[in-house]
Amino acid sequence: MNAVERLYKGFAASDPGEILASLHPDFTGVVSAGMPLGVGGVHRGPEAMLRDCWGVVFQHLDTGPQPEEQVWSGAGRVVVLGHYRGTARATGRAHEAAFVHDLHLRDGLIVKLVQVTDTARWAEALTGESTT
């Protein structure tokens, strides 16, 4: 199993150890500006990404990325397209937002993840109010 498969398997299983095992020690996560909960921006290091981004998100939403397509550009880069799907814990509102993950690999591990997502869908699920 490669690091990309391992990352999404870890998300599907809600397994922080599996997620961390897919990430390079020099990992950087770039999360879409406008993400609610203050998680947008740059997160440096696997543990920082898990604690300050993914952990915060999972406290508020029962959600996860569901990859639908992978487009490889050589051995060191893949673009993953899919949707986040789940439910906001406080509102009970269904959550679905398209995403693109631009993943860069080094030494067989993910060293950089750039996320592009529909941040309005995240906000709607969390607040229960339409942003459109």
C-alpha atoms as a PDB file:
ATOM      1  CA  MET A   1       0.000   0.000   0.000  1.00  0.00           C
ATOM      2  CA  ASN A   2       1.412   3.404  -0.930  1.00  0.00           C
ATOM      3  CA  ALA A   3       1.273   6.523   1.253  1.00  0.00           C
ATOM      4  CA  VAL A   4      -1.690   7.985  -0.638  1.00  0.00           C
ATOM      5  CA  GLU A   5      -3.775   4.850  -0.125  1.00  0.00           C
ATOM      6  CA  ARG A   6      -2.674   4.752   3.501  1.00  0.00           C
ATOM      7  CA  LEU A   7      -3.725   8.373   4.109  1.00  0.00           C
ATOM      8  CA  TYR A   8      -7.268   7.842   2.854  1.00  0.00           C
ATOM      9  CA  LYS A   9      -7.513   4.455   4.591  1.00  0.00           C
ATOM     10  CA  GLY A  10      -6.534   6.229   7.818  1.00  0.00           C
ATOM     11  CA  PHE A  11      -9.221   8.862   7.309  1.00  0.00           C
ATOM     12  CA  ALA A  12     -11.862   6.210   6.533  1.00  0.00           C
ATOM     13  CA  ALA A  13     -10.949   4.302   9.706  1.00  0.00           C
ATOM     14  CA  SER A  14     -10.566   7.463  11.855  1.00  0.00           C
ATOM     15  CA  ASP A  15      -7.087   6.158  12.653  1.00  0.00           C
ATOM     16  CA  PRO A  16      -4.618   8.944  13.572  1.00  0.00           C
ATOM     17  CA  GLY A  17      -1.707   6.493  13.618  1.00  0.00           C
ATOM     18  CA  GLU A  18      -2.393   5.383  10.049  1.00  0.00           C
ATOM     19  CA  ILE A  19      -2.751   9.018   8.920  1.00  0.00           C
ATOM     20  CA  LEU A  20       0.533  10.014  10.560  1.00  0.00           C
ATOM     21  CA  ALA A  21       2.302   6.962   9.108  1.00  0.00           C
ATOM     22  CA  SER A  22       1.558   8.269   5.596  1.00  0.00           C
ATOM     23  CA  LEU A  23       3.157  11.681   6.246  1.00  0.00           C
ATOM     24  CA  HIS A  24       6.815  12.658   5.848  1.00  0.00           C
ATOM     25  CA  PRO A  25       8.506  14.242   8.913  1.00  0.00           C
ATOM     26  CA  ASP A  26       8.902  17.454   6.840  1.00  0.00           C
ATOM     27  CA  PHE A  27       5.181  17.508   5.988  1.00  0.00           C
ATOM     28  CA  THR A  28       3.419  20.794   5.217  1.00  0.00           C
ATOM     29  CA  GLY A  29      -0.360  21.088   4.866  1.00  0.00           C
ATOM     30  CA  VAL A  30      -1.892  24.057   3.059  1.00  0.00           C
ATOM     31  CA  VAL A  31      -5.599  24.299   3.870  1.00  0.00           C
ATOM     32  CA  SER A  32      -8.070  26.426   1.924  1.00  0.00           C
ATOM     33  CA  ALA A  33      -8.419  30.018   3.082  1.00  0.00           C
ATOM     34  CA  GLY A  34     -11.904  30.602   4.405  1.00  0.00           C
ATOM     35  CA  MET A  35     -12.180  27.246   6.131  1.00  0.00           C
ATOM     36  CA  PRO A  36     -14.292  27.560   9.277  1.00  0.00           C
ATOM     37  CA  LEU A  37     -12.990  26.749  12.751  1.00  0.00           C
ATOM     38  CA  GLY A  38      -9.762  28.653  12.082  1.00  0.00           C
ATOM     39  CA  VAL A  39      -8.097  25.736  10.320  1.00  0.00           C
ATOM     40  CA  GLY A  40      -7.287  27.466   7.022  1.00  0.00           C
ATOM     41  CA  GLY A  41      -3.664  28.297   6.254  1.00  0.00           C
ATOM     42  CA  VAL A  42      -0.318  26.540   6.522  1.00  0.00           C
ATOM     43  CA  HIS A  43       0.372  23.778   9.047  1.00  0.00           C
ATOM     44  CA  ARG A  44       3.971  22.575   9.404  1.00  0.00           C
ATOM     45  CA  GLY A  45       4.667  19.059  10.631  1.00  0.00           C
ATOM     46  CA  PRO A  46       2.493  15.936  10.749  1.00  0.00           C
ATOM     47  CA  GLU A  47       1.515  16.365  14.392  1.00  0.00           C
ATOM     48  CA  ALA A  48       0.606  20.053  13.900  1.00  0.00           C
ATOM     49  CA  MET A  49      -1.629  19.157  10.953  1.00  0.00           C
ATOM     50  CA  LEU A  50      -3.337  16.420  12.934  1.00  0.00           C
ATOM     51  CA  ARG A  51      -3.762  18.548  16.076  1.00  0.00           C
ATOM     52  CA  ASP A  52      -4.485  21.995  14.642  1.00  0.00           C
ATOM     53  CA  CYS A  53      -6.441  21.101  11.513  1.00  0.00           C
ATOM     54  CA  TRP A  54      -7.782  17.589  11.162  1.00  0.00           C
ATOM     55  CA  GLY A  55      -8.333  17.102  14.889  1.00  0.00           C
ATOM     56  CA  VAL A  56     -10.296  20.352  15.129  1.00  0.00           C
ATOM     57  CA  VAL A  57     -12.409  19.428  12.109  1.00  0.00           C
ATOM     58  CA  PHE A  58     -13.163  15.950  13.469  1.00  0.00           C
ATOM     59  CA  GLN A  59     -14.271  17.417  16.811  1.00  0.00           C
ATOM     60  CA  HIS A  60     -17.009  19.341  14.991  1.00  0.00           C
ATOM     61  CA  LEU A  61     -17.848  17.122  12.024  1.00  0.00           C
ATOM     62  CA  ASP A  62     -18.187  13.415  11.493  1.00  0.00           C
ATOM     63  CA  THR A  63     -16.684  13.690   8.031  1.00  0.00           C
ATOM     64  CA  GLY A  64     -13.851  12.476   5.912  1.00  0.00           C
ATOM     65  CA  PRO A  65     -12.430  12.731   2.427  1.00  0.00           C
ATOM     66  CA  GLN A  66     -13.762  10.191  -0.025  1.00  0.00           C
ATOM     67  CA  PRO A  67     -11.399  10.061  -3.009  1.00  0.00           C
ATOM     68  CA  GLU A  68     -12.972   9.443  -6.381  1.00  0.00           C
ATOM     69  CA  GLU A  69     -10.091   9.893  -8.821  1.00  0.00           C
ATOM     70  CA  GLN A  70      -6.298  10.041  -8.713  1.00  0.00           C
ATOM     71  CA  VAL A  71      -4.267  11.740 -11.419  1.00  0.00           C
ATOM     72  CA  TRP A  72      -0.574  10.912 -11.091  1.00  0.00           C
ATOM     73  CA  SER A  73       2.157  13.164 -12.445  1.00  0.00           C
ATOM     74  CA  GLY A  74       5.187  10.938 -12.129  1.00  0.00           C
ATOM     75  CA  ALA A  75       6.111   9.094  -8.961  1.00  0.00           C
ATOM     76  CA  GLY A  76       6.223  12.190  -6.765  1.00  0.00           C
ATOM     77  CA  ARG A  77       2.922  13.955  -7.303  1.00  0.00           C
ATOM     78  CA  VAL A  78      -0.752  13.055  -7.453  1.00  0.00           C
ATOM     79  CA  VAL A  79      -3.918  15.122  -7.615  1.00  0.00           C
ATOM     80  CA  VAL A  80      -6.845  13.489  -5.829  1.00  0.00           C
ATOM     81  CA  LEU A  81     -10.413  14.570  -6.572  1.00  0.00           C
ATOM     82  CA  GLY A  82     -13.341  13.683  -4.364  1.00  0.00           C
ATOM     83  CA  HIS A  83     -15.861  14.823  -1.789  1.00  0.00           C
ATOM     84  CA  TYR A  84     -15.929  15.232   1.957  1.00  0.00           C
ATOM     85  CA  ARG A  85     -19.139  13.669   3.256  1.00  0.00           C
ATOM     86  CA  GLY A  86     -20.569  13.396   6.731  1.00  0.00           C
ATOM     87  CA  THR A  87     -22.550  15.246   9.375  1.00  0.00           C
ATOM     88  CA  ALA A  88     -21.927  18.266  11.578  1.00  0.00           C
ATOM     89  CA  ARG A  89     -22.042  17.093  15.189  1.00  0.00           C
ATOM     90  CA  ALA A  90     -23.784  20.163  16.688  1.00  0.00           C
ATOM     91  CA  THR A  91     -26.345  20.816  13.946  1.00  0.00           C
ATOM     92  CA  GLY A  92     -26.898  17.279  12.661  1.00  0.00           C
ATOM     93  CA  ARG A  93     -26.754  18.797   9.202  1.00  0.00           C
ATOM     94  CA  ALA A  94     -25.406  16.701   6.333  1.00  0.00           C
ATOM     95  CA  HIS A  95     -22.044  17.790   5.015  1.00  0.00           C
ATOM     96  CA  GLU A  96     -20.807  17.402   1.447  1.00  0.00           C
ATOM     97  CA  ALA A  97     -18.042  19.462  -0.133  1.00  0.00           C
ATOM     98  CA  ALA A  98     -15.973  18.804  -3.229  1.00  0.00           C
ATOM     99  CA  PHE A  99     -12.192  18.747  -2.823  1.00  0.00           C
ATOM    100  CA  VAL A 100      -8.941  18.588  -4.719  1.00  0.00           C
ATOM    101  CA  HIS A 101      -5.840  17.435  -2.855  1.00  0.00           C
ATOM    102  CA  ASP A 102      -2.513  18.166  -4.531  1.00  0.00           C
ATOM    103  CA  LEU A 103      -0.140  15.678  -2.891  1.00  0.00           C
ATOM    104  CA  HIS A 104       3.642  15.750  -3.187  1.00  0.00           C
ATOM    105  CA  LEU A 105       5.684  12.713  -2.139  1.00  0.00           C
ATOM    106  CA  ARG A 106       9.247  12.314  -0.952  1.00  0.00           C
ATOM    107  CA  ASP A 107      10.895   9.107   0.248  1.00  0.00           C
ATOM    108  CA  GLY A 108       7.591   7.299  -0.318  1.00  0.00           C
ATOM    109  CA  LEU A 109       5.678   9.570   2.079  1.00  0.00           C
ATOM    110  CA  ILE A 110       3.434  12.607   1.619  1.00  0.00           C
ATOM    111  CA  VAL A 111       5.560  15.704   2.195  1.00  0.00           C
ATOM    112  CA  LYS A 112       2.991  18.305   1.116  1.00  0.00           C
ATOM    113  CA  LEU A 113      -0.784  18.428   0.815  1.00  0.00           C
ATOM    114  CA  VAL A 114      -2.547  21.404  -0.724  1.00  0.00           C
ATOM    115  CA  GLN A 115      -6.310  21.331  -0.178  1.00  0.00           C
ATOM    116  CA  VAL A 116      -8.850  23.159  -2.318  1.00  0.00           C
ATOM    117  CA  THR A 117     -12.461  22.759  -1.175  1.00  0.00           C
ATOM    118  CA  ASP A 118     -15.850  24.424  -1.194  1.00  0.00           C
ATOM    119  CA  THR A 119     -15.553  26.214   2.158  1.00  0.00           C
ATOM    120  CA  ALA A 120     -19.137  27.505   1.979  1.00  0.00           C
ATOM    121  CA  ARG A 121     -20.460  23.928   2.279  1.00  0.00           C
ATOM    122  CA  TRP A 122     -18.391  23.473   5.454  1.00  0.00           C
ATOM    123  CA  ALA A 123     -19.793  26.666   6.985  1.00  0.00           C
ATOM    124  CA  GLU A 124     -23.381  25.696   6.077  1.00  0.00           C
ATOM    125  CA  ALA A 125     -23.073  22.334   7.805  1.00  0.00           C
ATOM    126  CA  LEU A 126     -21.618  23.899  10.945  1.00  0.00           C
ATOM    127  CA  THR A 127     -24.064  26.798  11.253  1.00  0.00           C
ATOM    128  CA  GLY A 128     -27.161  25.246   9.726  1.00  0.00           C
ATOM    129  CA  GLU A 129     -27.523  28.381   7.594  1.00  0.00           C
ATOM    130  CA  SER A 130     -27.154  28.693   3.830  1.00  0.00           C
ATOM    131  CA  THR A 131     -24.257  30.863   2.671  1.00  0.00           C
ATOM    132  CA  THR A 132     -25.560  31.186  -0.894  1.00  0.00           C
END
